[in-house]
Amino acid sequence: MIAEKTQYNTRHGGAYDRGSADSYYSRGYNPHYYVAGTGTSSCVEKKDMTAEEIAAYTAGFNDNEMFGDKKDWN
């Protein structure tokens, strides 16, 4: 049996996007997302996120960690 993979909204600034970006830039795990565009709208912090939003952030972070795509700072 193949496990069904959850589809997450990958819009810029969303929870999945922020998780993958935090991993890419080697920032720590810190669930959050932006209401609209990153840095141009209100930021929603973990304490105000739903379980589904935290799951999306975590999936984005973990997916990028597994893929191994990291910013080369050199």
PDB file of N, CA and C in Angstrom:
ATOM      1  N   MET A   1       0.847  -1.196   0.000  1.00  0.00           N
ATOM      2  CA  MET A   1       0.000   0.000   0.000  1.00  0.00           C
ATOM      3  C   MET A   1       0.883   1.247   0.000  1.00  0.00           C
ATOM      4  N   ILE A   2       0.564   2.173  -0.866  1.00  0.00           N
ATOM      5  CA  ILE A   2       1.310   3.419  -0.960  1.00  0.00           C
ATOM      6  C   ILE A   2       0.603   4.480  -0.128  1.00  0.00           C
ATOM      7  N   ALA A   3       1.379   5.154   0.736  1.00  0.00           N
ATOM      8  CA  ALA A   3       0.806   6.215   1.569  1.00  0.00           C
ATOM      9  C   ALA A   3       0.428   7.400   0.692  1.00  0.00           C
ATOM     10  N   GLU A   4      -0.701   7.969   0.975  1.00  0.00           N
ATOM     11  CA  GLU A   4      -1.155   9.141   0.233  1.00  0.00           C
ATOM     12  C   GLU A   4      -0.441  10.374   0.760  1.00  0.00           C
ATOM     13  N   LYS A   5       0.166  11.171  -0.128  1.00  0.00           N
ATOM     14  CA  LYS A   5       0.884  12.371   0.269  1.00  0.00           C
ATOM     15  C   LYS A   5      -0.093  13.543   0.302  1.00  0.00           C
ATOM     16  N   THR A   6      -0.053  14.276   1.384  1.00  0.00           N
ATOM     17  CA  THR A   6      -0.903  15.448   1.537  1.00  0.00           C
ATOM     18  C   THR A   6      -0.420  16.547   0.595  1.00  0.00           C
ATOM     19  N   GLN A   7      -1.340  17.205  -0.049  1.00  0.00           N
ATOM     20  CA  GLN A   7      -1.028  18.334  -0.914  1.00  0.00           C
ATOM     21  C   GLN A   7      -1.179  19.621  -0.108  1.00  0.00           C
ATOM     22  N   TYR A   8      -0.135  20.429  -0.092  1.00  0.00           N
ATOM     23  CA  TYR A   8      -0.158  21.684   0.656  1.00  0.00           C
ATOM     24  C   TYR A   8      -0.177  22.859  -0.309  1.00  0.00           C
ATOM     25  N   ASN A   9      -0.788  23.945   0.131  1.00  0.00           N
ATOM     26  CA  ASN A   9      -0.761  25.181  -0.632  1.00  0.00           C
ATOM     27  C   ASN A   9       0.664  25.714  -0.571  1.00  0.00           C
ATOM     28  N   THR A  10       1.291  25.882  -1.709  1.00  0.00           N
ATOM     29  CA  THR A  10       2.694  26.298  -1.756  1.00  0.00           C
ATOM     30  C   THR A  10       2.869  27.780  -2.110  1.00  0.00           C
ATOM     31  N   ARG A  11       1.839  28.563  -1.913  1.00  0.00           N
ATOM     32  CA  ARG A  11       1.923  29.985  -2.280  1.00  0.00           C
ATOM     33  C   ARG A  11       3.047  30.685  -1.514  1.00  0.00           C
ATOM     34  N   HIS A  12       3.631  31.689  -2.167  1.00  0.00           N
ATOM     35  CA  HIS A  12       4.704  32.465  -1.548  1.00  0.00           C
ATOM     36  C   HIS A  12       4.187  33.124  -0.268  1.00  0.00           C
ATOM     37  N   GLY A  13       4.894  32.895   0.810  1.00  0.00           N
ATOM     38  CA  GLY A  13       4.511  33.473   2.099  1.00  0.00           C
ATOM     39  C   GLY A  13       3.692  32.539   2.955  1.00  0.00           C
ATOM     40  N   GLY A  14       3.146  31.469   2.360  1.00  0.00           N
ATOM     41  CA  GLY A  14       2.332  30.513   3.104  1.00  0.00           C
ATOM     42  C   GLY A  14       3.182  29.640   4.015  1.00  0.00           C
ATOM     43  N   ALA A  15       2.526  28.857   4.834  1.00  0.00           N
ATOM     44  CA  ALA A  15       3.216  28.044   5.833  1.00  0.00           C
ATOM     45  C   ALA A  15       4.196  27.055   5.197  1.00  0.00           C
ATOM     46  N   TYR A  16       3.782  26.329   4.165  1.00  0.00           N
ATOM     47  CA  TYR A  16       4.681  25.369   3.514  1.00  0.00           C
ATOM     48  C   TYR A  16       5.898  26.094   2.935  1.00  0.00           C
ATOM     49  N   ASP A  17       5.663  27.190   2.256  1.00  0.00           N
ATOM     50  CA  ASP A  17       6.732  27.994   1.659  1.00  0.00           C
ATOM     51  C   ASP A  17       7.713  28.491   2.712  1.00  0.00           C
ATOM     52  N   ARG A  18       7.206  28.986   3.824  1.00  0.00           N
ATOM     53  CA  ARG A  18       8.091  29.502   4.878  1.00  0.00           C
ATOM     54  C   ARG A  18       8.914  28.384   5.502  1.00  0.00           C
ATOM     55  N   GLY A  19       8.308  27.204   5.671  1.00  0.00           N
ATOM     56  CA  GLY A  19       9.068  26.076   6.203  1.00  0.00           C
ATOM     57  C   GLY A  19      10.199  25.682   5.279  1.00  0.00           C
ATOM     58  N   SER A  20       9.904  25.597   3.987  1.00  0.00           N
ATOM     59  CA  SER A  20      10.956  25.216   3.044  1.00  0.00           C
ATOM     60  C   SER A  20      12.030  26.297   2.966  1.00  0.00           C
ATOM     61  N   ALA A  21      11.649  27.562   3.053  1.00  0.00           N
ATOM     62  CA  ALA A  21      12.624  28.654   3.012  1.00  0.00           C
ATOM     63  C   ALA A  21      13.512  28.642   4.255  1.00  0.00           C
ATOM     64  N   ASP A  22      12.921  28.405   5.414  1.00  0.00           N
ATOM     65  CA  ASP A  22      13.730  28.352   6.639  1.00  0.00           C
ATOM     66  C   ASP A  22      14.761  27.237   6.547  1.00  0.00           C
ATOM     67  N   SER A  23      14.369  26.094   6.017  1.00  0.00           N
ATOM     68  CA  SER A  23      15.315  24.995   5.833  1.00  0.00           C
ATOM     69  C   SER A  23      16.380  25.377   4.810  1.00  0.00           C
ATOM     70  N   TYR A  24      15.973  25.932   3.681  1.00  0.00           N
ATOM     71  CA  TYR A  24      16.899  26.305   2.609  1.00  0.00           C
ATOM     72  C   TYR A  24      17.981  27.252   3.109  1.00  0.00           C
ATOM     73  N   TYR A  25      17.582  28.240   3.906  1.00  0.00           N
ATOM     74  CA  TYR A  25      18.527  29.231   4.419  1.00  0.00           C
ATOM     75  C   TYR A  25      19.179  28.795   5.731  1.00  0.00           C
ATOM     76  N   SER A  26      18.987  27.529   6.111  1.00  0.00           N
ATOM     77  CA  SER A  26      19.562  26.945   7.330  1.00  0.00           C
ATOM     78  C   SER A  26      19.151  27.706   8.585  1.00  0.00           C
ATOM     79  N   ARG A  27      17.928  28.226   8.550  1.00  0.00           N
ATOM     80  CA  ARG A  27      17.369  28.834   9.756  1.00  0.00           C
ATOM     81  C   ARG A  27      16.732  27.712  10.564  1.00  0.00           C
ATOM     82  N   GLY A  28      16.547  27.927  11.807  1.00  0.00           N
ATOM     83  CA  GLY A  28      15.939  26.912  12.653  1.00  0.00           C
ATOM     84  C   GLY A  28      14.453  26.731  12.367  1.00  0.00           C
ATOM     85  N   TYR A  29      13.925  25.657  12.922  1.00  0.00           N
ATOM     86  CA  TYR A  29      12.496  25.351  12.824  1.00  0.00           C
ATOM     87  C   TYR A  29      11.732  26.381  13.647  1.00  0.00           C
ATOM     88  N   ASN A  30      10.901  27.175  12.989  1.00  0.00           N
ATOM     89  CA  ASN A  30      10.166  28.257  13.646  1.00  0.00           C
ATOM     90  C   ASN A  30       8.860  28.499  12.890  1.00  0.00           C
ATOM     91  N   PRO A  31       7.830  27.682  13.156  1.00  0.00           N
ATOM     92  CA  PRO A  31       6.584  27.802  12.400  1.00  0.00           C
ATOM     93  C   PRO A  31       6.015  29.224  12.385  1.00  0.00           C
ATOM     94  N   HIS A  32       5.709  29.683  11.186  1.00  0.00           N
ATOM     95  CA  HIS A  32       5.088  30.986  10.958  1.00  0.00           C
ATOM     96  C   HIS A  32       4.683  31.037   9.487  1.00  0.00           C
ATOM     97  N   TYR A  33       3.916  32.039   9.127  1.00  0.00           N
ATOM     98  CA  TYR A  33       3.602  32.307   7.724  1.00  0.00           C
ATOM     99  C   TYR A  33       3.123  33.737   7.615  1.00  0.00           C
ATOM    100  N   TYR A  34       2.994  34.203   6.373  1.00  0.00           N
ATOM    101  CA  TYR A  34       2.516  35.560   6.124  1.00  0.00           C
ATOM    102  C   TYR A  34       1.121  35.493   5.513  1.00  0.00           C
ATOM    103  N   VAL A  35       0.290  36.438   5.897  1.00  0.00           N
ATOM    104  CA  VAL A  35      -1.089  36.487   5.416  1.00  0.00           C
ATOM    105  C   VAL A  35      -1.124  36.634   3.893  1.00  0.00           C
ATOM    106  N   ALA A  36      -0.221  37.423   3.372  1.00  0.00           N
ATOM    107  CA  ALA A  36      -0.097  37.576   1.910  1.00  0.00           C
ATOM    108  C   ALA A  36       1.373  37.339   1.569  1.00  0.00           C
ATOM    109  N   GLY A  37       2.026  38.298   0.939  1.00  0.00           N
ATOM    110  CA  GLY A  37       3.414  38.119   0.548  1.00  0.00           C
ATOM    111  C   GLY A  37       4.376  38.168   1.726  1.00  0.00           C
ATOM    112  N   THR A  38       5.492  37.461   1.582  1.00  0.00           N
ATOM    113  CA  THR A  38       6.529  37.439   2.609  1.00  0.00           C
ATOM    114  C   THR A  38       7.088  38.833   2.824  1.00  0.00           C
ATOM    115  N   GLY A  39       7.056  39.275   4.063  1.00  0.00           N
ATOM    116  CA  GLY A  39       7.616  40.567   4.411  1.00  0.00           C
ATOM    117  C   GLY A  39       6.779  41.768   4.018  1.00  0.00           C
ATOM    118  N   THR A  40       5.685  41.533   3.286  1.00  0.00           N
ATOM    119  CA  THR A  40       4.843  42.651   2.859  1.00  0.00           C
ATOM    120  C   THR A  40       3.463  42.597   3.495  1.00  0.00           C
ATOM    121  N   SER A  41       3.279  41.640   4.405  1.00  0.00           N
ATOM    122  CA  SER A  41       1.988  41.505   5.081  1.00  0.00           C
ATOM    123  C   SER A  41       2.224  41.028   6.513  1.00  0.00           C
ATOM    124  N   SER A  42       1.173  40.887   7.244  1.00  0.00           N
ATOM    125  CA  SER A  42       1.275  40.459   8.637  1.00  0.00           C
ATOM    126  C   SER A  42       1.798  39.037   8.742  1.00  0.00           C
ATOM    127  N   CYS A  43       2.647  38.827   9.740  1.00  0.00           N
ATOM    128  CA  CYS A  43       3.204  37.504  10.009  1.00  0.00           C
ATOM    129  C   CYS A  43       2.368  36.834  11.099  1.00  0.00           C
ATOM    130  N   VAL A  44       2.007  35.579  10.874  1.00  0.00           N
ATOM    131  CA  VAL A  44       1.268  34.792  11.857  1.00  0.00           C
ATOM    132  C   VAL A  44       2.272  33.859  12.526  1.00  0.00           C
ATOM    133  N   GLU A  45       2.410  33.971  13.837  1.00  0.00           N
ATOM    134  CA  GLU A  45       3.362  33.161  14.590  1.00  0.00           C
ATOM    135  C   GLU A  45       2.725  31.853  15.041  1.00  0.00           C
ATOM    136  N   LYS A  46       3.568  30.920  15.473  1.00  0.00           N
ATOM    137  CA  LYS A  46       3.123  29.581  15.859  1.00  0.00           C
ATOM    138  C   LYS A  46       1.956  29.616  16.840  1.00  0.00           C
ATOM    139  N   LYS A  47       2.005  30.501  17.822  1.00  0.00           N
ATOM    140  CA  LYS A  47       0.960  30.538  18.852  1.00  0.00           C
ATOM    141  C   LYS A  47      -0.415  30.842  18.277  1.00  0.00           C
ATOM    142  N   ASP A  48      -0.451  31.426  17.079  1.00  0.00           N
ATOM    143  CA  ASP A  48      -1.712  31.783  16.443  1.00  0.00           C
ATOM    144  C   ASP A  48      -2.048  30.898  15.241  1.00  0.00           C
ATOM    145  N   MET A  49      -1.243  29.859  15.009  1.00  0.00           N
ATOM    146  CA  MET A  49      -1.456  28.973  13.862  1.00  0.00           C
ATOM    147  C   MET A  49      -2.341  27.794  14.243  1.00  0.00           C
ATOM    148  N   THR A  50      -3.060  27.280  13.261  1.00  0.00           N
ATOM    149  CA  THR A  50      -3.848  26.067  13.465  1.00  0.00           C
ATOM    150  C   THR A  50      -2.922  24.854  13.355  1.00  0.00           C
ATOM    151  N   ALA A  51      -3.421  23.710  13.783  1.00  0.00           N
ATOM    152  CA  ALA A  51      -2.647  22.472  13.656  1.00  0.00           C
ATOM    153  C   ALA A  51      -2.328  22.187  12.188  1.00  0.00           C
ATOM    154  N   GLU A  52      -3.253  22.477  11.290  1.00  0.00           N
ATOM    155  CA  GLU A  52      -3.048  22.250   9.866  1.00  0.00           C
ATOM    156  C   GLU A  52      -1.957  23.165   9.311  1.00  0.00           C
ATOM    157  N   GLU A  53      -1.931  24.410   9.756  1.00  0.00           N
ATOM    158  CA  GLU A  53      -0.903  25.348   9.302  1.00  0.00           C
ATOM    159  C   GLU A  53       0.476  24.934   9.804  1.00  0.00           C
ATOM    160  N   ILE A  54       0.546  24.483  11.045  1.00  0.00           N
ATOM    161  CA  ILE A  54       1.818  24.003  11.594  1.00  0.00           C
ATOM    162  C   ILE A  54       2.274  22.759  10.834  1.00  0.00           C
ATOM    163  N   ALA A  55       1.338  21.883  10.497  1.00  0.00           N
ATOM    164  CA  ALA A  55       1.676  20.686   9.718  1.00  0.00           C
ATOM    165  C   ALA A  55       2.225  21.070   8.350  1.00  0.00           C
ATOM    166  N   ALA A  56       1.649  22.093   7.714  1.00  0.00           N
ATOM    167  CA  ALA A  56       2.129  22.540   6.403  1.00  0.00           C
ATOM    168  C   ALA A  56       3.536  23.117   6.513  1.00  0.00           C
ATOM    169  N   TYR A  57       3.782  23.936   7.529  1.00  0.00           N
ATOM    170  CA  TYR A  57       5.121  24.493   7.746  1.00  0.00           C
ATOM    171  C   TYR A  57       6.121  23.355   7.955  1.00  0.00           C
ATOM    172  N   THR A  58       5.763  22.414   8.819  1.00  0.00           N
ATOM    173  CA  THR A  58       6.640  21.285   9.136  1.00  0.00           C
ATOM    174  C   THR A  58       6.934  20.463   7.884  1.00  0.00           C
ATOM    175  N   ALA A  59       5.918  20.229   7.065  1.00  0.00           N
ATOM    176  CA  ALA A  59       6.111  19.475   5.827  1.00  0.00           C
ATOM    177  C   ALA A  59       7.072  20.205   4.896  1.00  0.00           C
ATOM    178  N   GLY A  60       6.921  21.506   4.759  1.00  0.00           N
ATOM    179  CA  GLY A  60       7.828  22.280   3.915  1.00  0.00           C
ATOM    180  C   GLY A  60       9.255  22.211   4.417  1.00  0.00           C
ATOM    181  N   PHE A  61       9.408  22.342   5.717  1.00  0.00           N
ATOM    182  CA  PHE A  61      10.736  22.274   6.333  1.00  0.00           C
ATOM    183  C   PHE A  61      11.343  20.890   6.112  1.00  0.00           C
ATOM    184  N   ASN A  62      10.594  19.848   6.446  1.00  0.00           N
ATOM    185  CA  ASN A  62      11.098  18.478   6.331  1.00  0.00           C
ATOM    186  C   ASN A  62      11.341  18.059   4.885  1.00  0.00           C
ATOM    187  N   ASP A  63      10.468  18.475   3.973  1.00  0.00           N
ATOM    188  CA  ASP A  63      10.663  18.144   2.557  1.00  0.00           C
ATOM    189  C   ASP A  63      11.983  18.723   2.058  1.00  0.00           C
ATOM    190  N   ASN A  64      12.271  19.970   2.407  1.00  0.00           N
ATOM    191  CA  ASN A  64      13.525  20.566   1.958  1.00  0.00           C
ATOM    192  C   ASN A  64      14.722  19.916   2.649  1.00  0.00           C
ATOM    193  N   GLU A  65      14.577  19.552   3.911  1.00  0.00           N
ATOM    194  CA  GLU A  65      15.669  18.859   4.603  1.00  0.00           C
ATOM    195  C   GLU A  65      15.985  17.533   3.910  1.00  0.00           C
ATOM    196  N   MET A  66      14.950  16.795   3.516  1.00  0.00           N
ATOM    197  CA  MET A  66      15.156  15.518   2.837  1.00  0.00           C
ATOM    198  C   MET A  66      15.778  15.724   1.453  1.00  0.00           C
ATOM    199  N   PHE A  67      15.364  16.781   0.761  1.00  0.00           N
ATOM    200  CA  PHE A  67      15.872  17.077  -0.572  1.00  0.00           C
ATOM    201  C   PHE A  67      17.320  17.570  -0.496  1.00  0.00           C
ATOM    202  N   GLY A  68      17.654  18.256   0.598  1.00  0.00           N
ATOM    203  CA  GLY A  68      19.016  18.711   0.808  1.00  0.00           C
ATOM    204  C   GLY A  68      19.380  19.980   0.070  1.00  0.00           C
ATOM    205  N   ASP A  69      18.399  20.749  -0.363  1.00  0.00           N
ATOM    206  CA  ASP A  69      18.656  21.996  -1.073  1.00  0.00           C
ATOM    207  C   ASP A  69      18.954  23.092  -0.058  1.00  0.00           C
ATOM    208  N   LYS A  70      20.208  23.528  -0.009  1.00  0.00           N
ATOM    209  CA  LYS A  70      20.623  24.547   0.951  1.00  0.00           C
ATOM    210  C   LYS A  70      21.317  25.696   0.241  1.00  0.00           C
ATOM    211  N   LYS A  71      21.142  26.894   0.744  1.00  0.00           N
ATOM    212  CA  LYS A  71      21.802  28.081   0.221  1.00  0.00           C
ATOM    213  C   LYS A  71      23.298  27.945   0.415  1.00  0.00           C
ATOM    214  N   ASP A  72      24.064  28.184  -0.641  1.00  0.00           N
ATOM    215  CA  ASP A  72      25.526  28.191  -0.570  1.00  0.00           C
ATOM    216  C   ASP A  72      25.944  29.632  -0.280  1.00  0.00           C
ATOM    217  N   TRP A  73      26.414  29.885   0.901  1.00  0.00           N
ATOM    218  CA  TRP A  73      26.751  31.235   1.325  1.00  0.00           C
ATOM    219  C   TRP A  73      28.148  31.667   0.862  1.00  0.00           C
ATOM    220  N   ASN A  74      28.868  30.816   0.150  1.00  0.00           N
ATOM    221  CA  ASN A  74      30.229  31.160  -0.321  1.00  0.00           C
ATOM    222  C   ASN A  74      30.215  31.799  -1.682  1.00  0.00           C
TER     223      ASN A  74
END
